[in-house]
Amino acid sequence: MKYIDIQEAIGAKGLRLILVQGMPSPWGVAAKAMMEHKGLDYIVAPQVPGGENAEILAWSGTNSGPVVAWDGDLPINRWDDILLLLERLNPDKPLVPEAADQRAQVFGLSHEICGELGLGWNRRLDMFRPAMEMAETPEAMENMSKKWRYNAHDVALANQRTVATL
């Protein structure tokens, strides 16, 4: 995948995707897969995991990936906002059902997987735990744990929440 400079992406028109570079990111992979399913053209710029990402933060309000932007619209980074944008950009290949009951199921299940304190969130908390319990926490992990509000209460419940979701 070809990454362009972040400033070039910020100034570009069309669909832009900021992805975590050099490590797997389920949310970024999902955003990219949805764009490809819908046949949308997009450009990609990198977000450095655990880095300051000051340019991305100043532009989008977050220093995490994925971030998606369309033309002059404000950049977005939440899974449901990204999904709804992509639905608007190519409604001919829908990912969200038209029927209200099915749509509610899609968004409910998706939140349980993608949303705050959902499956992905809890797995990330559990992944951070060993590094956070070290005598000296690596700086990148310390930064990421602050960003994702790592706390003893949620960490203690992470496995239980994961099992309940599965």
Protein backbone atom coordinates (compact mmCIF):
# COMPACT_ATOMS: atom_id res chain seq x y z
CA MET A 1 0.00 0.00 0.00
CA LYS A 2 1.30 3.42 -0.93
CA TYR A 3 1.16 6.01 1.84
CA ILE A 4 1.29 9.70 1.00
CA ASP A 5 2.48 12.51 3.27
CA ILE A 6 -0.07 13.51 5.91
CA GLN A 7 -0.06 17.17 4.81
CA GLU A 8 -0.77 16.09 1.25
CA ALA A 9 -3.70 13.99 2.49
CA ILE A 10 -5.07 16.82 4.63
CA GLY A 11 -5.03 19.19 1.67
CA ALA A 12 -6.41 16.70 -0.85
CA LYS A 13 -9.97 16.42 -2.13
CA GLY A 14 -11.97 13.23 -2.32
CA LEU A 15 -11.85 10.31 0.09
CA ARG A 16 -8.88 10.10 2.44
CA LEU A 17 -8.00 7.33 4.90
CA ILE A 18 -5.47 7.68 7.71
CA LEU A 19 -4.31 4.22 8.79
CA VAL A 20 -2.15 2.98 11.63
CA GLN A 21 1.16 2.19 9.95
CA GLY A 22 3.22 -0.90 10.66
CA MET A 23 0.82 -2.82 12.88
CA PRO A 24 -2.57 -4.44 12.51
CA SER A 25 -5.58 -2.26 13.23
CA PRO A 26 -8.94 -4.05 12.94
CA TRP A 27 -10.83 -0.75 12.61
CA GLY A 28 -8.55 0.44 9.82
CA VAL A 29 -8.72 -2.87 7.98
CA ALA A 30 -12.53 -2.72 8.22
CA ALA A 31 -12.69 0.85 6.88
CA LYS A 32 -10.41 -0.07 3.98
CA ALA A 33 -12.43 -3.23 3.20
CA MET A 34 -15.70 -1.26 3.17
CA MET A 35 -14.22 1.30 0.77
CA GLU A 36 -12.98 -1.45 -1.51
CA HIS A 37 -16.32 -3.30 -1.38
CA LYS A 38 -18.06 -0.11 -2.43
CA GLY A 39 -15.53 0.52 -5.24
CA LEU A 40 -14.54 3.91 -3.82
CA ASP A 41 -11.25 5.57 -4.75
CA TYR A 42 -9.24 6.82 -1.77
CA ILE A 43 -5.76 7.85 -0.75
CA VAL A 44 -3.95 6.68 2.38
CA ALA A 45 -1.66 8.48 4.82
CA PRO A 46 0.04 7.02 7.91
CA GLN A 47 -0.66 7.43 11.60
CA VAL A 48 2.29 6.42 13.80
CA PRO A 49 1.15 4.10 16.62
CA GLY A 50 2.05 5.55 20.01
CA GLY A 51 3.35 8.69 18.33
CA GLU A 52 2.30 12.28 18.86
CA ASN A 53 0.77 12.61 15.37
CA ALA A 54 0.37 16.35 15.97
CA GLU A 55 -0.73 17.11 12.39
CA ILE A 56 -3.46 14.45 12.47
CA LEU A 57 -4.58 15.62 15.92
CA ALA A 58 -4.77 19.28 14.86
CA TRP A 59 -6.74 18.38 11.73
CA SER A 60 -9.07 15.65 12.99
CA GLY A 61 -9.21 16.02 16.77
CA THR A 62 -7.68 12.58 17.32
CA ASN A 63 -4.24 11.05 17.02
CA SER A 64 -5.53 7.57 16.25
CA GLY A 65 -6.35 5.74 13.09
CA PRO A 66 -8.44 5.24 11.20
CA VAL A 67 -9.50 8.74 10.29
CA VAL A 68 -11.64 9.24 7.20
CA ALA A 69 -12.30 12.52 5.43
CA TRP A 70 -14.43 13.38 2.42
CA ASP A 71 -13.74 16.57 0.48
CA GLY A 72 -14.32 19.57 2.78
CA ASP A 73 -16.26 17.67 5.45
CA LEU A 74 -14.84 17.38 8.94
CA PRO A 75 -12.69 14.25 9.43
CA ILE A 76 -14.36 11.37 11.28
CA ASN A 77 -12.94 8.46 13.23
CA ARG A 78 -15.76 6.48 14.83
CA TRP A 79 -16.77 3.22 13.16
CA ASP A 80 -20.44 4.14 12.74
CA ASP A 81 -19.70 7.58 11.29
CA ILE A 82 -17.31 6.01 8.78
CA LEU A 83 -19.88 3.38 7.80
CA LEU A 84 -22.62 5.98 7.30
CA LEU A 85 -20.34 8.21 5.20
CA LEU A 86 -19.44 5.30 2.94
CA GLU A 87 -23.13 4.42 2.62
CA ARG A 88 -23.81 7.96 1.39
CA LEU A 89 -20.89 7.89 -1.06
CA ASN A 90 -22.06 4.68 -2.75
CA PRO A 91 -25.61 3.69 -1.81
CA ASP A 92 -25.69 1.17 -4.70
CA LYS A 93 -23.60 -1.31 -2.68
CA PRO A 94 -25.26 -1.09 0.74
CA LEU A 95 -23.70 -2.47 3.89
CA VAL A 96 -26.61 -1.40 6.08
CA PRO A 97 -30.02 -3.03 5.53
CA GLU A 98 -33.04 -0.87 4.69
CA ALA A 99 -35.42 -2.69 7.06
CA ALA A 100 -35.44 -0.99 10.47
CA ASP A 101 -35.31 -4.22 12.49
CA GLN A 102 -32.34 -5.52 10.50
CA ARG A 103 -30.62 -2.14 10.69
CA ALA A 104 -31.03 -2.17 14.48
CA GLN A 105 -29.47 -5.63 14.62
CA VAL A 106 -26.54 -4.57 12.43
CA PHE A 107 -25.81 -1.49 14.53
CA GLY A 108 -26.36 -3.31 17.84
CA LEU A 109 -24.08 -6.21 16.96
CA SER A 110 -21.54 -3.88 15.37
CA HIS A 111 -21.40 -1.78 18.53
CA GLU A 112 -20.80 -4.92 20.59
CA ILE A 113 -17.80 -5.66 18.37
CA CYS A 114 -16.48 -2.22 17.38
CA GLY A 115 -17.80 0.22 19.97
CA GLU A 116 -16.41 1.56 23.20
CA LEU A 117 -16.16 -1.31 25.72
CA GLY A 118 -17.03 -3.73 22.90
CA LEU A 119 -15.09 -6.83 21.90
CA GLY A 120 -12.22 -4.98 20.19
CA TRP A 121 -11.93 -2.45 23.01
CA ASN A 122 -11.80 -5.18 25.67
CA ARG A 123 -9.24 -7.22 23.77
CA ARG A 124 -7.06 -4.12 23.48
CA LEU A 125 -7.33 -3.52 27.25
CA ASP A 126 -6.31 -7.12 27.84
CA MET A 127 -3.42 -6.75 25.37
CA PHE A 128 -2.13 -3.68 27.23
CA ARG A 129 -2.29 -5.37 30.64
CA PRO A 130 1.13 -7.15 30.61
CA ALA A 131 3.00 -4.01 29.54
CA MET A 132 1.09 -1.83 32.00
CA GLU A 133 1.96 -4.20 34.86
CA MET A 134 5.71 -4.05 34.14
CA ALA A 135 7.97 -2.19 36.54
CA GLU A 136 8.77 0.25 33.72
CA THR A 137 6.01 0.60 31.16
CA PRO A 138 7.28 1.28 27.63
CA GLU A 139 6.54 4.91 26.67
CA ALA A 140 4.50 4.00 23.58
CA MET A 141 2.26 1.70 25.64
CA GLU A 142 1.91 4.35 28.33
CA ASN A 143 0.79 6.87 25.69
CA MET A 144 -1.66 4.47 24.09
CA SER A 145 -3.09 3.39 27.44
CA LYS A 146 -3.85 7.01 28.32
CA LYS A 147 -5.49 7.56 24.95
CA TRP A 148 -7.77 4.54 25.46
CA ARG A 149 -8.49 5.38 29.12
CA TYR A 150 -6.87 2.24 30.48
CA ASN A 151 -8.13 1.81 34.04
CA ALA A 152 -8.23 -0.94 36.66
CA HIS A 153 -12.02 -1.25 36.64
CA ASP A 154 -12.38 -1.85 32.89
CA VAL A 155 -9.28 -4.07 32.75
CA ALA A 156 -10.68 -6.27 35.53
CA LEU A 157 -13.88 -6.74 33.51
CA ALA A 158 -12.29 -7.08 30.05
CA ASN A 159 -12.18 -10.89 29.91
CA GLN A 160 -15.68 -11.23 31.37
CA ARG A 161 -17.03 -8.74 28.82
CA THR A 162 -15.24 -10.55 25.98
CA VAL A 163 -16.72 -13.91 26.97
CA ALA A 164 -20.20 -12.39 27.33
CA THR A 165 -19.97 -10.85 23.84
CA LEU A 166 -18.72 -14.06 22.25
